[in-house]
């Protein structure tokens, strides 16, 4: 019985750490993965480096971004931070 009482605070601490730290991080990571997998041509995006552009082409692991001056840059899909505006033609 003393062993359970001694381990109870440690178990409670791990449970709270899971609830407040690990689980929310997993949800955020899942949401980012879904966003990166649902990218489509014509979406306006922002990369993790702050580049704003429009998706011109998609590959399995890469995305070609058309910038404001007409240049096309190739980035990994993981470099896309957010979708500013989805393509309305879909």
C-alpha atoms as a PDB file:
ATOM      1  CA  UNK A   1       0.000   0.000   0.000  1.00  0.00           C
ATOM      2  CA  UNK A   2       2.873   2.358   0.808  1.00  0.00           C
ATOM      3  CA  UNK A   3       4.370   1.653  -2.606  1.00  0.00           C
ATOM      4  CA  UNK A   4       1.162   2.810  -4.368  1.00  0.00           C
ATOM      5  CA  UNK A   5       0.955   5.977  -2.270  1.00  0.00           C
ATOM      6  CA  UNK A   6       4.612   6.700  -3.048  1.00  0.00           C
ATOM      7  CA  UNK A   7       4.180   6.219  -6.810  1.00  0.00           C
ATOM      8  CA  UNK A   8       0.823   8.013  -7.072  1.00  0.00           C
ATOM      9  CA  UNK A   9       2.291  11.558  -7.415  1.00  0.00           C
ATOM     10  CA  UNK A  10       4.699  10.357 -10.094  1.00  0.00           C
ATOM     11  CA  UNK A  11       1.911   8.647 -12.042  1.00  0.00           C
ATOM     12  CA  UNK A  12      -0.293  11.721 -11.658  1.00  0.00           C
ATOM     13  CA  UNK A  13       2.528  13.949 -12.919  1.00  0.00           C
ATOM     14  CA  UNK A  14       3.020  11.806 -16.050  1.00  0.00           C
ATOM     15  CA  UNK A  15      -0.738  11.811 -16.665  1.00  0.00           C
ATOM     16  CA  UNK A  16      -0.959  15.586 -16.441  1.00  0.00           C
ATOM     17  CA  UNK A  17       2.106  16.004 -18.644  1.00  0.00           C
ATOM     18  CA  UNK A  18       0.462  13.818 -21.287  1.00  0.00           C
ATOM     19  CA  UNK A  19      -2.787  15.786 -21.112  1.00  0.00           C
ATOM     20  CA  UNK A  20      -1.253  19.254 -21.222  1.00  0.00           C
ATOM     21  CA  UNK A  21       1.872  18.795 -23.341  1.00  0.00           C
ATOM     22  CA  UNK A  22       2.020  15.644 -25.425  1.00  0.00           C
ATOM     23  CA  UNK A  23      -1.599  15.304 -26.582  1.00  0.00           C
ATOM     24  CA  UNK A  24      -2.016  18.919 -27.818  1.00  0.00           C
ATOM     25  CA  UNK A  25       1.281  18.679 -29.710  1.00  0.00           C
ATOM     26  CA  UNK A  26       0.097  15.492 -31.425  1.00  0.00           C
ATOM     27  CA  UNK A  27      -3.152  17.227 -32.444  1.00  0.00           C
ATOM     28  CA  UNK A  28      -1.254  20.217 -33.895  1.00  0.00           C
ATOM     29  CA  UNK A  29       1.111  17.905 -35.770  1.00  0.00           C
ATOM     30  CA  UNK A  30      -1.803  15.914 -37.220  1.00  0.00           C
ATOM     31  CA  UNK A  31      -3.522  19.134 -38.340  1.00  0.00           C
ATOM     32  CA  UNK A  32      -0.344  20.360 -40.091  1.00  0.00           C
ATOM     33  CA  UNK A  33       0.103  16.998 -41.849  1.00  0.00           C
ATOM     34  CA  UNK A  34      -3.503  17.096 -43.086  1.00  0.00           C
ATOM     35  CA  UNK A  35      -3.004  20.651 -44.380  1.00  0.00           C
ATOM     36  CA  UNK A  36       0.208  19.721 -46.195  1.00  0.00           C
ATOM     37  CA  UNK A  37      -1.398  16.623 -47.739  1.00  0.00           C
ATOM     38  CA  UNK A  38      -4.431  18.598 -48.953  1.00  0.00           C
ATOM     39  CA  UNK A  39      -2.426  21.193 -50.898  1.00  0.00           C
ATOM     40  CA  UNK A  40      -3.611  21.779 -54.437  1.00  0.00           C
ATOM     41  CA  UNK A  41      -2.564  23.820 -57.445  1.00  0.00           C
ATOM     42  CA  UNK A  42      -3.614  27.460 -57.158  1.00  0.00           C
ATOM     43  CA  UNK A  43      -3.583  27.650 -53.339  1.00  0.00           C
ATOM     44  CA  UNK A  44      -2.019  30.788 -51.880  1.00  0.00           C
ATOM     45  CA  UNK A  45       0.488  29.727 -49.234  1.00  0.00           C
ATOM     46  CA  UNK A  46       3.172  30.956 -46.840  1.00  0.00           C
ATOM     47  CA  UNK A  47       6.335  28.924 -46.230  1.00  0.00           C
ATOM     48  CA  UNK A  48       8.157  28.563 -42.923  1.00  0.00           C
ATOM     49  CA  UNK A  49      10.696  31.059 -44.279  1.00  0.00           C
ATOM     50  CA  UNK A  50       7.994  33.665 -44.888  1.00  0.00           C
ATOM     51  CA  UNK A  51       7.763  33.338 -48.676  1.00  0.00           C
ATOM     52  CA  UNK A  52       4.289  34.136 -50.021  1.00  0.00           C
ATOM     53  CA  UNK A  53       3.279  32.542 -53.285  1.00  0.00           C
ATOM     54  CA  UNK A  54       0.860  30.427 -55.280  1.00  0.00           C
ATOM     55  CA  UNK A  55       1.284  26.698 -55.815  1.00  0.00           C
ATOM     56  CA  UNK A  56       2.109  26.082 -59.469  1.00  0.00           C
ATOM     57  CA  UNK A  57       2.803  22.335 -59.390  1.00  0.00           C
ATOM     58  CA  UNK A  58       2.779  19.485 -56.894  1.00  0.00           C
ATOM     59  CA  UNK A  59       4.942  16.418 -56.628  1.00  0.00           C
ATOM     60  CA  UNK A  60       4.910  13.664 -54.013  1.00  0.00           C
ATOM     61  CA  UNK A  61       7.349  15.409 -51.665  1.00  0.00           C
ATOM     62  CA  UNK A  62       7.833  18.784 -53.338  1.00  0.00           C
ATOM     63  CA  UNK A  63       5.830  21.808 -54.308  1.00  0.00           C
ATOM     64  CA  UNK A  64       6.645  24.430 -56.956  1.00  0.00           C
ATOM     65  CA  UNK A  65       5.704  27.919 -55.806  1.00  0.00           C
ATOM     66  CA  UNK A  66       5.137  30.807 -58.190  1.00  0.00           C
ATOM     67  CA  UNK A  67       6.312  34.077 -56.623  1.00  0.00           C
ATOM     68  CA  UNK A  68       5.162  37.630 -57.304  1.00  0.00           C
ATOM     69  CA  UNK A  69       7.875  38.337 -59.875  1.00  0.00           C
ATOM     70  CA  UNK A  70       6.979  35.224 -61.884  1.00  0.00           C
ATOM     71  CA  UNK A  71       9.850  33.061 -60.700  1.00  0.00           C
ATOM     72  CA  UNK A  72       9.172  29.476 -59.708  1.00  0.00           C
ATOM     73  CA  UNK A  73      10.816  27.980 -56.640  1.00  0.00           C
ATOM     74  CA  UNK A  74      10.813  24.357 -55.537  1.00  0.00           C
ATOM     75  CA  UNK A  75      10.274  23.597 -51.846  1.00  0.00           C
ATOM     76  CA  UNK A  76       9.600  20.501 -49.781  1.00  0.00           C
ATOM     77  CA  UNK A  77       5.981  20.061 -48.770  1.00  0.00           C
ATOM     78  CA  UNK A  78       7.119  20.254 -45.156  1.00  0.00           C
ATOM     79  CA  UNK A  79       8.208  23.867 -45.737  1.00  0.00           C
ATOM     80  CA  UNK A  80       4.584  25.034 -46.159  1.00  0.00           C
ATOM     81  CA  UNK A  81       3.457  26.707 -42.937  1.00  0.00           C
ATOM     82  CA  UNK A  82      -0.084  27.716 -43.828  1.00  0.00           C
ATOM     83  CA  UNK A  83      -2.602  28.037 -46.620  1.00  0.00           C
ATOM     84  CA  UNK A  84      -3.759  31.638 -46.855  1.00  0.00           C
ATOM     85  CA  UNK A  85      -6.454  31.043 -49.454  1.00  0.00           C
ATOM     86  CA  UNK A  86      -7.675  27.826 -51.083  1.00  0.00           C
ATOM     87  CA  UNK A  87      -8.134  27.796 -54.845  1.00  0.00           C
ATOM     88  CA  UNK A  88     -11.785  28.660 -55.491  1.00  0.00           C
ATOM     89  CA  UNK A  89     -11.836  26.901 -58.900  1.00  0.00           C
ATOM     90  CA  UNK A  90     -12.247  23.502 -57.229  1.00  0.00           C
END
